[in-house]
Amino acid sequence: MRKFPNLDLNLLKVFASLYHTGSVTLSADELNISQSACSHALQRLRERLGDDLFIRIENRMLPTAYSERLAEQVLPGLALLGQGLASSHPFTPEDTHIFRIAVTDYTSWCLREFITYLSESFPHIHIEFIQLAERLPEAALKSSAIDLVCGFAHQQEESESLNRLVWLSDYYVSVRCQSHPVAEHLSLAQFLQYPHILVTPWNESRGIVDITLSRQRKRRQIAIRTASVLAAPYFLQQTSYLLAAPSRYAETIAESLSLRVSPMPLDVPDYQLTLYWHKTRHNDPKIAWFVRLFSDFHQCS
């Protein structure tokens, strides 16, 4: 890697922001500078490092190969520097802060009441939801590329690197359209007879229902795979498909979509909505404030 003494730290902050946002406009807003100042900073960095760093393709700034290598070294260092500086000052929610939270579409939907509370009580706190392709992005949590993960689990978890807060438990129900051939509760034989919609937020090969069935040496038919819990019920209309969905969501949309909801014909483990953060940031005042507020809100609601 090239050496570059006396590089302005503010230029590296611009680099980090552009790497995460892929946009000069968004980076300028994030850093509270003008777009022109952001563009000039990028140009200075390009000249200093001798690389384009970011190429505009389809209205997005994509990192070059050199940028990717640079990010591997620079971003963790900036994160550690930020943590060190933050630890010497108390967190004040009256200042403007952005929390980057990795979510699925369903876990972000479940956060809507908390987000309403945040907007009313802490107007300077902003949330950026990020969809990631892996369930627990530990490296991103450690580097502070994201602050928290709002995910879910089906069993007790132990991790050497992550702390967690379970904030809601719920069960699955079987959902189908009103015109489905099975009018009453499904038997297991009927459950296996009809095709299913499988929800895989992280492109998994199978879900908890399939895992449960495999223990009984049984298998269901998969007609559609989708990463979206929220979109999945819309594929049920006027079909013979079945969907295993969280009861919390299914009961909310059943009437508007003319769906039939019934108990699962097999014993599927409940899921737990869980907030995760990296243990190296457990005493970070920013993370500690959010976790405490989040926990208090859900204990009171």
C-alpha atoms as a PDB file:
ATOM      1  CA  MET A   1       0.000   0.000   0.000  1.00  0.00           C
ATOM      2  CA  ARG A   2       1.293   3.481  -0.888  1.00  0.00           C
ATOM      3  CA  LYS A   3       2.524   5.811   1.844  1.00  0.00           C
ATOM      4  CA  PHE A   4       1.168   9.347   2.081  1.00  0.00           C
ATOM      5  CA  PRO A   5       2.390  11.411   5.059  1.00  0.00           C
ATOM      6  CA  ASN A   6       0.500  14.427   6.413  1.00  0.00           C
ATOM      7  CA  LEU A   7      -2.790  13.543   4.744  1.00  0.00           C
ATOM      8  CA  ASP A   8      -5.645  15.758   5.958  1.00  0.00           C
ATOM      9  CA  LEU A   9      -7.936  13.676   8.182  1.00  0.00           C
ATOM     10  CA  ASN A  10     -10.950  15.562   6.798  1.00  0.00           C
ATOM     11  CA  LEU A  11     -10.182  14.111   3.360  1.00  0.00           C
ATOM     12  CA  LEU A  12     -10.324  10.612   4.812  1.00  0.00           C
ATOM     13  CA  LYS A  13     -13.697  11.439   6.383  1.00  0.00           C
ATOM     14  CA  VAL A  14     -14.936  12.403   2.920  1.00  0.00           C
ATOM     15  CA  PHE A  15     -13.516   9.167   1.525  1.00  0.00           C
ATOM     16  CA  ALA A  16     -15.280   7.087   4.207  1.00  0.00           C
ATOM     17  CA  SER A  17     -18.592   8.841   3.664  1.00  0.00           C
ATOM     18  CA  LEU A  18     -18.439   8.454  -0.125  1.00  0.00           C
ATOM     19  CA  TYR A  19     -17.528   4.804   0.259  1.00  0.00           C
ATOM     20  CA  HIS A  20     -20.630   4.188   2.393  1.00  0.00           C
ATOM     21  CA  THR A  21     -23.143   6.421   0.584  1.00  0.00           C
ATOM     22  CA  GLY A  22     -21.966   6.236  -3.035  1.00  0.00           C
ATOM     23  CA  SER A  23     -23.199   9.814  -3.451  1.00  0.00           C
ATOM     24  CA  VAL A  24     -21.580  13.250  -3.282  1.00  0.00           C
ATOM     25  CA  THR A  25     -24.952  14.762  -2.326  1.00  0.00           C
ATOM     26  CA  LEU A  26     -25.554  12.336   0.546  1.00  0.00           C
ATOM     27  CA  SER A  27     -21.974  12.660   1.757  1.00  0.00           C
ATOM     28  CA  ALA A  28     -22.196  16.445   1.744  1.00  0.00           C
ATOM     29  CA  ASP A  29     -25.375  16.243   3.841  1.00  0.00           C
ATOM     30  CA  GLU A  30     -23.824  13.716   6.201  1.00  0.00           C
ATOM     31  CA  LEU A  31     -20.673  15.816   6.706  1.00  0.00           C
ATOM     32  CA  ASN A  32     -22.619  19.103   6.846  1.00  0.00           C
ATOM     33  CA  ILE A  33     -20.650  20.663   3.993  1.00  0.00           C
ATOM     34  CA  SER A  34     -21.650  21.936   0.564  1.00  0.00           C
ATOM     35  CA  GLN A  35     -21.647  19.631  -2.469  1.00  0.00           C
ATOM     36  CA  SER A  36     -18.977  21.821  -4.000  1.00  0.00           C
ATOM     37  CA  ALA A  37     -16.736  21.418  -0.937  1.00  0.00           C
ATOM     38  CA  CYS A  38     -17.282  17.670  -1.032  1.00  0.00           C
ATOM     39  CA  SER A  39     -16.364  17.511  -4.727  1.00  0.00           C
ATOM     40  CA  HIS A  40     -13.242  19.634  -4.163  1.00  0.00           C
ATOM     41  CA  ALA A  41     -12.195  17.366  -1.266  1.00  0.00           C
ATOM     42  CA  LEU A  42     -12.581  14.322  -3.499  1.00  0.00           C
ATOM     43  CA  GLN A  43     -10.489  15.967  -6.211  1.00  0.00           C
ATOM     44  CA  ARG A  44      -7.728  16.794  -3.691  1.00  0.00           C
ATOM     45  CA  LEU A  45      -7.767  13.196  -2.484  1.00  0.00           C
ATOM     46  CA  ARG A  46      -7.587  11.897  -6.057  1.00  0.00           C
ATOM     47  CA  GLU A  47      -4.577  14.096  -6.789  1.00  0.00           C
ATOM     48  CA  ARG A  48      -2.831  13.130  -3.568  1.00  0.00           C
ATOM     49  CA  LEU A  49      -3.356   9.386  -3.979  1.00  0.00           C
ATOM     50  CA  GLY A  50      -3.014   9.210  -7.754  1.00  0.00           C
ATOM     51  CA  ASP A  51      -6.242   7.292  -8.308  1.00  0.00           C
ATOM     52  CA  ASP A  52      -9.808   8.166  -9.365  1.00  0.00           C
ATOM     53  CA  LEU A  53     -11.063   6.441  -6.172  1.00  0.00           C
ATOM     54  CA  PHE A  54     -14.721   6.607  -7.279  1.00  0.00           C
ATOM     55  CA  ILE A  55     -16.261   6.251 -10.738  1.00  0.00           C
ATOM     56  CA  ARG A  56     -19.756   7.580 -11.475  1.00  0.00           C
ATOM     57  CA  ILE A  57     -21.885   4.791 -12.993  1.00  0.00           C
ATOM     58  CA  GLU A  58     -25.682   5.074 -13.263  1.00  0.00           C
ATOM     59  CA  ASN A  59     -25.712   8.066 -10.940  1.00  0.00           C
ATOM     60  CA  ARG A  60     -23.749   6.270  -8.197  1.00  0.00           C
ATOM     61  CA  MET A  61     -20.125   6.692  -7.156  1.00  0.00           C
ATOM     62  CA  LEU A  62     -18.587   3.212  -7.278  1.00  0.00           C
ATOM     63  CA  PRO A  63     -15.198   2.579  -5.606  1.00  0.00           C
ATOM     64  CA  THR A  64     -12.211   1.595  -7.715  1.00  0.00           C
ATOM     65  CA  ALA A  65     -10.141  -1.471  -6.884  1.00  0.00           C
ATOM     66  CA  TYR A  66      -7.646   0.816  -5.138  1.00  0.00           C
ATOM     67  CA  SER A  67     -10.471   2.339  -3.084  1.00  0.00           C
ATOM     68  CA  GLU A  68     -11.570  -1.121  -1.994  1.00  0.00           C
ATOM     69  CA  ARG A  69      -8.051  -1.905  -0.768  1.00  0.00           C
ATOM     70  CA  LEU A  70      -7.763   1.493   0.888  1.00  0.00           C
ATOM     71  CA  ALA A  71     -11.113   1.061   2.644  1.00  0.00           C
ATOM     72  CA  GLU A  72      -9.964  -2.212   4.205  1.00  0.00           C
ATOM     73  CA  GLN A  73      -7.186  -0.319   5.985  1.00  0.00           C
ATOM     74  CA  VAL A  74      -8.636   3.159   6.521  1.00  0.00           C
ATOM     75  CA  LEU A  75     -12.227   2.514   7.642  1.00  0.00           C
ATOM     76  CA  PRO A  76     -11.378   0.385  10.707  1.00  0.00           C
ATOM     77  CA  GLY A  77      -8.804   2.994  11.715  1.00  0.00           C
ATOM     78  CA  LEU A  78     -11.295   5.841  11.415  1.00  0.00           C
ATOM     79  CA  ALA A  79     -13.831   3.833  13.402  1.00  0.00           C
ATOM     80  CA  LEU A  80     -11.349   3.274  16.219  1.00  0.00           C
ATOM     81  CA  LEU A  81     -10.422   6.944  16.188  1.00  0.00           C
ATOM     82  CA  GLY A  82     -14.097   7.921  16.342  1.00  0.00           C
ATOM     83  CA  GLN A  83     -14.723   5.536  19.230  1.00  0.00           C
ATOM     84  CA  GLY A  84     -11.739   6.923  21.099  1.00  0.00           C
ATOM     85  CA  LEU A  85     -12.876  10.507  20.663  1.00  0.00           C
ATOM     86  CA  ALA A  86     -16.490   9.653  21.521  1.00  0.00           C
ATOM     87  CA  SER A  87     -15.501   7.860  24.704  1.00  0.00           C
ATOM     88  CA  SER A  88     -13.949  11.054  26.043  1.00  0.00           C
ATOM     89  CA  HIS A  89     -17.175  13.027  25.629  1.00  0.00           C
ATOM     90  CA  PRO A  90     -20.651  12.243  26.962  1.00  0.00           C
ATOM     91  CA  PHE A  91     -23.285  11.397  24.374  1.00  0.00           C
ATOM     92  CA  THR A  92     -25.875  14.146  24.018  1.00  0.00           C
ATOM     93  CA  PRO A  93     -29.034  13.328  22.013  1.00  0.00           C
ATOM     94  CA  GLU A  94     -29.623  17.060  21.600  1.00  0.00           C
ATOM     95  CA  ASP A  95     -26.799  17.017  19.055  1.00  0.00           C
ATOM     96  CA  THR A  96     -27.357  15.562  15.587  1.00  0.00           C
ATOM     97  CA  HIS A  97     -26.487  11.881  15.336  1.00  0.00           C
ATOM     98  CA  ILE A  98     -27.104   9.193  12.717  1.00  0.00           C
ATOM     99  CA  PHE A  99     -27.639   5.568  13.700  1.00  0.00           C
ATOM    100  CA  ARG A 100     -27.054   3.048  10.924  1.00  0.00           C
ATOM    101  CA  ILE A 101     -29.095  -0.075  11.580  1.00  0.00           C
ATOM    102  CA  ALA A 102     -29.047  -3.221   9.443  1.00  0.00           C
ATOM    103  CA  VAL A 103     -32.564  -4.638   9.080  1.00  0.00           C
ATOM    104  CA  THR A 104     -34.833  -6.857   7.037  1.00  0.00           C
ATOM    105  CA  ASP A 105     -37.986  -5.309   5.645  1.00  0.00           C
ATOM    106  CA  TYR A 106     -39.992  -7.025   8.391  1.00  0.00           C
ATOM    107  CA  THR A 107     -37.774  -5.996  11.322  1.00  0.00           C
ATOM    108  CA  SER A 108     -37.836  -2.375  10.126  1.00  0.00           C
ATOM    109  CA  TRP A 109     -41.665  -2.627   9.931  1.00  0.00           C
ATOM    110  CA  CYS A 110     -41.701  -3.799  13.551  1.00  0.00           C
ATOM    111  CA  LEU A 111     -39.680  -0.728  14.571  1.00  0.00           C
ATOM    112  CA  ARG A 112     -42.281   1.784  13.362  1.00  0.00           C
ATOM    113  CA  GLU A 113     -43.655   2.627  16.842  1.00  0.00           C
ATOM    114  CA  PHE A 114     -40.164   3.174  18.229  1.00  0.00           C
ATOM    115  CA  ILE A 115     -39.279   5.373  15.256  1.00  0.00           C
ATOM    116  CA  THR A 116     -42.396   7.486  15.913  1.00  0.00           C
ATOM    117  CA  TYR A 117     -41.290   7.881  19.523  1.00  0.00           C
ATOM    118  CA  LEU A 118     -37.784   8.881  18.432  1.00  0.00           C
ATOM    119  CA  SER A 119     -39.085  11.486  15.990  1.00  0.00           C
ATOM    120  CA  GLU A 120     -41.241  13.085  18.667  1.00  0.00           C
ATOM    121  CA  SER A 121     -38.784  12.932  21.570  1.00  0.00           C
ATOM    122  CA  PHE A 122     -35.376  13.269  19.888  1.00  0.00           C
ATOM    123  CA  PRO A 123     -35.713  15.237  16.626  1.00  0.00           C
ATOM    124  CA  HIS A 124     -31.923  15.431  16.147  1.00  0.00           C
ATOM    125  CA  ILE A 125     -31.514  11.655  16.126  1.00  0.00           C
ATOM    126  CA  HIS A 126     -31.707  10.218  12.605  1.00  0.00           C
ATOM    127  CA  ILE A 127     -31.984   6.589  11.534  1.00  0.00           C
ATOM    128  CA  GLU A 128     -30.519   5.052   8.395  1.00  0.00           C
ATOM    129  CA  PHE A 129     -31.836   1.554   7.687  1.00  0.00           C
ATOM    130  CA  ILE A 130     -29.453  -0.631   5.694  1.00  0.00           C
ATOM    131  CA  GLN A 131     -30.310  -3.908   3.966  1.00  0.00           C
ATOM    132  CA  LEU A 132     -27.383  -6.302   4.100  1.00  0.00           C
ATOM    133  CA  ALA A 133     -26.897  -9.682   2.465  1.00  0.00           C
ATOM    134  CA  GLU A 134     -25.845 -11.526   5.611  1.00  0.00           C
ATOM    135  CA  ARG A 135     -27.661 -12.174   8.849  1.00  0.00           C
ATOM    136  CA  LEU A 136     -25.035 -10.902  11.312  1.00  0.00           C
ATOM    137  CA  PRO A 137     -22.425  -8.653   9.647  1.00  0.00           C
ATOM    138  CA  GLU A 138     -19.886  -8.760  12.467  1.00  0.00           C
ATOM    139  CA  ALA A 139     -17.113  -7.012  10.540  1.00  0.00           C
ATOM    140  CA  ALA A 140     -19.388  -4.068   9.686  1.00  0.00           C
ATOM    141  CA  LEU A 141     -20.480  -3.798  13.325  1.00  0.00           C
ATOM    142  CA  LYS A 142     -16.894  -3.835  14.561  1.00  0.00           C
ATOM    143  CA  SER A 143     -15.716  -1.228  12.060  1.00  0.00           C
ATOM    144  CA  SER A 144     -18.716   1.040  12.840  1.00  0.00           C
ATOM    145  CA  ALA A 145     -19.851   0.892   9.216  1.00  0.00           C
ATOM    146  CA  ILE A 146     -23.149   0.063  10.915  1.00  0.00           C
ATOM    147  CA  ASP A 147     -24.071   0.652  14.550  1.00  0.00           C
ATOM    148  CA  LEU A 148     -26.646  -2.052  15.218  1.00  0.00           C
ATOM    149  CA  VAL A 149     -28.461  -4.976  13.643  1.00  0.00           C
ATOM    150  CA  CYS A 150     -32.171  -5.551  14.149  1.00  0.00           C
ATOM    151  CA  GLY A 151     -32.649  -9.176  13.181  1.00  0.00           C
ATOM    152  CA  PHE A 152     -34.288 -12.321  14.445  1.00  0.00           C
ATOM    153  CA  ALA A 153     -33.370 -15.743  15.784  1.00  0.00           C
ATOM    154  CA  HIS A 154     -35.143 -19.028  16.478  1.00  0.00           C
ATOM    155  CA  GLN A 155     -32.985 -20.237  19.342  1.00  0.00           C
ATOM    156  CA  GLN A 156     -30.783 -19.023  22.163  1.00  0.00           C
ATOM    157  CA  GLU A 157     -27.520 -17.615  20.837  1.00  0.00           C
ATOM    158  CA  GLU A 158     -24.040 -17.205  22.240  1.00  0.00           C
ATOM    159  CA  SER A 159     -21.436 -15.072  20.510  1.00  0.00           C
ATOM    160  CA  GLU A 160     -17.898 -14.126  21.433  1.00  0.00           C
ATOM    161  CA  SER A 161     -18.156 -10.830  19.593  1.00  0.00           C
ATOM    162  CA  LEU A 162     -21.801  -9.679  19.751  1.00  0.00           C
ATOM    163  CA  ASN A 163     -24.117  -8.513  22.514  1.00  0.00           C
ATOM    164  CA  ARG A 164     -27.857  -8.882  22.022  1.00  0.00           C
ATOM    165  CA  LEU A 165     -31.203  -7.710  23.362  1.00  0.00           C
ATOM    166  CA  VAL A 166     -34.310  -9.807  22.675  1.00  0.00           C
ATOM    167  CA  TRP A 167     -37.232  -7.391  22.507  1.00  0.00           C
ATOM    168  CA  LEU A 168     -40.144  -9.308  21.015  1.00  0.00           C
ATOM    169  CA  SER A 169     -41.199 -12.947  20.602  1.00  0.00           C
ATOM    170  CA  ASP A 170     -43.861 -14.104  18.173  1.00  0.00           C
ATOM    171  CA  TYR A 171     -45.041 -17.253  16.396  1.00  0.00           C
ATOM    172  CA  TYR A 172     -45.753 -18.266  12.807  1.00  0.00           C
ATOM    173  CA  VAL A 173     -49.148 -18.821  11.213  1.00  0.00           C
ATOM    174  CA  SER A 174     -50.204 -20.359   7.926  1.00  0.00           C
ATOM    175  CA  VAL A 175     -51.642 -17.845   5.443  1.00  0.00           C
ATOM    176  CA  ARG A 176     -53.532 -18.415   2.180  1.00  0.00           C
ATOM    177  CA  CYS A 177     -56.083 -16.591   0.049  1.00  0.00           C
ATOM    178  CA  GLN A 178     -59.831 -16.772   0.803  1.00  0.00           C
ATOM    179  CA  SER A 179     -60.451 -18.798  -2.376  1.00  0.00           C
ATOM    180  CA  HIS A 180     -57.922 -21.481  -1.449  1.00  0.00           C
ATOM    181  CA  PRO A 181     -59.238 -25.066  -1.861  1.00  0.00           C
ATOM    182  CA  VAL A 182     -58.714 -25.693   1.883  1.00  0.00           C
ATOM    183  CA  ALA A 183     -61.339 -23.647   3.704  1.00  0.00           C
ATOM    184  CA  GLU A 184     -60.736 -24.822   7.279  1.00  0.00           C
ATOM    185  CA  HIS A 185     -57.577 -25.367   9.274  1.00  0.00           C
ATOM    186  CA  LEU A 186     -54.805 -27.097   7.369  1.00  0.00           C
ATOM    187  CA  SER A 187     -53.720 -30.608   8.202  1.00  0.00           C
ATOM    188  CA  LEU A 188     -50.055 -31.501   7.821  1.00  0.00           C
ATOM    189  CA  ALA A 189     -50.917 -33.609   4.767  1.00  0.00           C
ATOM    190  CA  GLN A 190     -52.634 -30.609   3.143  1.00  0.00           C
ATOM    191  CA  PHE A 191     -49.743 -28.381   4.160  1.00  0.00           C
ATOM    192  CA  LEU A 192     -47.407 -30.642   2.205  1.00  0.00           C
ATOM    193  CA  GLN A 193     -49.821 -31.053  -0.722  1.00  0.00           C
ATOM    194  CA  TYR A 194     -49.832 -27.404  -1.862  1.00  0.00           C
ATOM    195  CA  PRO A 195     -46.922 -25.208  -3.075  1.00  0.00           C
ATOM    196  CA  HIS A 196     -45.375 -22.642  -0.744  1.00  0.00           C
ATOM    197  CA  ILE A 197     -43.822 -19.202  -0.742  1.00  0.00           C
ATOM    198  CA  LEU A 198     -40.426 -19.257   1.004  1.00  0.00           C
ATOM    199  CA  VAL A 199     -39.070 -16.053   2.539  1.00  0.00           C
ATOM    200  CA  THR A 200     -35.257 -15.910   2.652  1.00  0.00           C
ATOM    201  CA  PRO A 201     -34.020 -12.451   3.756  1.00  0.00           C
ATOM    202  CA  TRP A 202     -30.373 -13.476   3.335  1.00  0.00           C
ATOM    203  CA  ASN A 203     -30.828 -15.838   0.357  1.00  0.00           C
ATOM    204  CA  GLU A 204     -30.798 -18.912   2.569  1.00  0.00           C
ATOM    205  CA  SER A 205     -31.347 -22.294   0.971  1.00  0.00           C
ATOM    206  CA  ARG A 206     -34.184 -23.066   3.398  1.00  0.00           C
ATOM    207  CA  GLY A 207     -36.183 -21.551   6.242  1.00  0.00           C
ATOM    208  CA  ILE A 208     -37.165 -22.588   9.767  1.00  0.00           C
ATOM    209  CA  VAL A 209     -40.230 -24.437   8.437  1.00  0.00           C
ATOM    210  CA  ASP A 210     -38.033 -26.546   6.155  1.00  0.00           C
ATOM    211  CA  ILE A 211     -35.621 -27.258   9.006  1.00  0.00           C
ATOM    212  CA  THR A 212     -38.542 -28.366  11.203  1.00  0.00           C
ATOM    213  CA  LEU A 213     -39.954 -30.570   8.438  1.00  0.00           C
ATOM    214  CA  SER A 214     -36.571 -32.158   7.737  1.00  0.00           C
ATOM    215  CA  ARG A 215     -36.422 -33.392  11.347  1.00  0.00           C
ATOM    216  CA  GLN A 216     -39.616 -35.302  10.551  1.00  0.00           C
ATOM    217  CA  ARG A 217     -38.114 -36.455   7.237  1.00  0.00           C
ATOM    218  CA  LYS A 218     -40.669 -34.442   5.325  1.00  0.00           C
ATOM    219  CA  ARG A 219     -40.336 -31.782   2.636  1.00  0.00           C
ATOM    220  CA  ARG A 220     -42.623 -29.099   1.191  1.00  0.00           C
ATOM    221  CA  GLN A 221     -42.910 -27.762  -2.359  1.00  0.00           C
ATOM    222  CA  ILE A 222     -41.412 -24.308  -2.944  1.00  0.00           C
ATOM    223  CA  ALA A 223     -43.039 -22.308  -5.750  1.00  0.00           C
ATOM    224  CA  ILE A 224     -41.663 -18.833  -5.013  1.00  0.00           C
ATOM    225  CA  ARG A 225     -38.636 -17.525  -3.124  1.00  0.00           C
ATOM    226  CA  THR A 226     -38.521 -13.910  -1.988  1.00  0.00           C
ATOM    227  CA  ALA A 227     -36.370 -11.885   0.382  1.00  0.00           C
ATOM    228  CA  SER A 228     -39.349  -9.787   1.460  1.00  0.00           C
ATOM    229  CA  VAL A 229     -41.660 -10.747   4.311  1.00  0.00           C
ATOM    230  CA  LEU A 230     -43.822  -7.711   3.588  1.00  0.00           C
ATOM    231  CA  ALA A 231     -44.274  -8.536  -0.108  1.00  0.00           C
ATOM    232  CA  ALA A 232     -44.819 -12.282   0.279  1.00  0.00           C
ATOM    233  CA  PRO A 233     -48.592 -12.191   1.171  1.00  0.00           C
ATOM    234  CA  TYR A 234     -49.364 -10.326  -2.051  1.00  0.00           C
ATOM    235  CA  PHE A 235     -48.309 -13.390  -4.049  1.00  0.00           C
ATOM    236  CA  LEU A 236     -51.025 -15.465  -2.357  1.00  0.00           C
ATOM    237  CA  GLN A 237     -53.960 -13.757  -4.043  1.00  0.00           C
ATOM    238  CA  GLN A 238     -55.896 -16.003  -6.444  1.00  0.00           C
ATOM    239  CA  THR A 239     -53.402 -18.881  -6.019  1.00  0.00           C
ATOM    240  CA  SER A 240     -53.223 -22.147  -4.130  1.00  0.00           C
ATOM    241  CA  TYR A 241     -49.942 -21.082  -2.516  1.00  0.00           C
ATOM    242  CA  LEU A 242     -49.329 -21.272   1.238  1.00  0.00           C
ATOM    243  CA  LEU A 243     -47.172 -18.946   3.318  1.00  0.00           C
ATOM    244  CA  ALA A 244     -45.734 -19.294   6.815  1.00  0.00           C
ATOM    245  CA  ALA A 245     -45.713 -15.732   8.133  1.00  0.00           C
ATOM    246  CA  PRO A 246     -45.197 -13.940  11.456  1.00  0.00           C
ATOM    247  CA  SER A 247     -48.612 -13.694  13.150  1.00  0.00           C
ATOM    248  CA  ARG A 248     -47.919 -10.051  14.046  1.00  0.00           C
ATOM    249  CA  TYR A 249     -47.810  -9.101  10.358  1.00  0.00           C
ATOM    250  CA  ALA A 250     -50.327 -11.638   9.044  1.00  0.00           C
ATOM    251  CA  GLU A 251     -53.099 -10.449  11.367  1.00  0.00           C
ATOM    252  CA  THR A 252     -52.436  -6.835  10.359  1.00  0.00           C
ATOM    253  CA  ILE A 253     -52.861  -7.345   6.607  1.00  0.00           C
ATOM    254  CA  ALA A 254     -55.219 -10.345   6.438  1.00  0.00           C
ATOM    255  CA  GLU A 255     -58.441  -8.353   6.062  1.00  0.00           C
ATOM    256  CA  SER A 256     -57.145  -5.857   3.507  1.00  0.00           C
ATOM    257  CA  LEU A 257     -55.762  -8.660   1.284  1.00  0.00           C
ATOM    258  CA  SER A 258     -58.659 -11.085   1.880  1.00  0.00           C
ATOM    259  CA  LEU A 259     -56.398 -13.716   3.395  1.00  0.00           C
ATOM    260  CA  ARG A 260     -57.216 -16.700   5.576  1.00  0.00           C
ATOM    261  CA  VAL A 261     -55.008 -17.182   8.661  1.00  0.00           C
ATOM    262  CA  SER A 262     -54.797 -20.467  10.573  1.00  0.00           C
ATOM    263  CA  PRO A 263     -52.399 -22.187  12.990  1.00  0.00           C
ATOM    264  CA  MET A 264     -49.383 -23.996  11.635  1.00  0.00           C
ATOM    265  CA  PRO A 265     -49.988 -27.768  11.321  1.00  0.00           C
ATOM    266  CA  LEU A 266     -46.557 -28.495  12.835  1.00  0.00           C
ATOM    267  CA  ASP A 267     -44.637 -27.224  15.834  1.00  0.00           C
ATOM    268  CA  VAL A 268     -42.383 -24.489  14.413  1.00  0.00           C
ATOM    269  CA  PRO A 269     -40.138 -22.644  16.915  1.00  0.00           C
ATOM    270  CA  ASP A 270     -41.136 -19.072  17.761  1.00  0.00           C
ATOM    271  CA  TYR A 271     -38.903 -16.310  16.497  1.00  0.00           C
ATOM    272  CA  GLN A 272     -37.317 -13.584  18.589  1.00  0.00           C
ATOM    273  CA  LEU A 273     -36.704 -10.087  17.281  1.00  0.00           C
ATOM    274  CA  THR A 274     -33.223  -9.221  18.498  1.00  0.00           C
ATOM    275  CA  LEU A 275     -31.031  -6.128  18.597  1.00  0.00           C
ATOM    276  CA  TYR A 276     -27.311  -6.846  18.148  1.00  0.00           C
ATOM    277  CA  TRP A 277     -24.218  -4.688  18.657  1.00  0.00           C
ATOM    278  CA  HIS A 278     -20.498  -5.426  18.804  1.00  0.00           C
ATOM    279  CA  LYS A 279     -18.934  -6.063  22.207  1.00  0.00           C
ATOM    280  CA  THR A 280     -16.056  -3.715  21.414  1.00  0.00           C
ATOM    281  CA  ARG A 281     -18.626  -0.885  21.294  1.00  0.00           C
ATOM    282  CA  HIS A 282     -20.594  -1.898  24.384  1.00  0.00           C
ATOM    283  CA  ASN A 283     -19.303   1.118  26.345  1.00  0.00           C
ATOM    284  CA  ASP A 284     -19.550   3.496  23.398  1.00  0.00           C
ATOM    285  CA  PRO A 285     -21.818   6.265  24.794  1.00  0.00           C
ATOM    286  CA  LYS A 286     -23.756   6.425  21.511  1.00  0.00           C
ATOM    287  CA  ILE A 287     -24.530   2.693  21.477  1.00  0.00           C
ATOM    288  CA  ALA A 288     -25.202   2.555  25.221  1.00  0.00           C
ATOM    289  CA  TRP A 289     -27.707   5.415  24.950  1.00  0.00           C
ATOM    290  CA  PHE A 290     -29.602   3.805  22.085  1.00  0.00           C
ATOM    291  CA  VAL A 291     -29.766   0.347  23.678  1.00  0.00           C
ATOM    292  CA  ARG A 292     -30.955   1.778  26.999  1.00  0.00           C
ATOM    293  CA  LEU A 293     -33.617   3.922  25.303  1.00  0.00           C
ATOM    294  CA  PHE A 294     -34.728   1.029  23.094  1.00  0.00           C
ATOM    295  CA  SER A 295     -34.975  -1.351  26.058  1.00  0.00           C
ATOM    296  CA  ASP A 296     -36.914   1.139  28.214  1.00  0.00           C
ATOM    297  CA  PHE A 297     -39.349   1.897  25.401  1.00  0.00           C
ATOM    298  CA  HIS A 298     -40.237  -1.741  24.820  1.00  0.00           C
ATOM    299  CA  GLN A 299     -40.528  -2.519  28.505  1.00  0.00           C
ATOM    300  CA  CYS A 300     -43.070   0.292  28.833  1.00  0.00           C
ATOM    301  CA  SER A 301     -45.020  -0.423  25.633  1.00  0.00           C
END
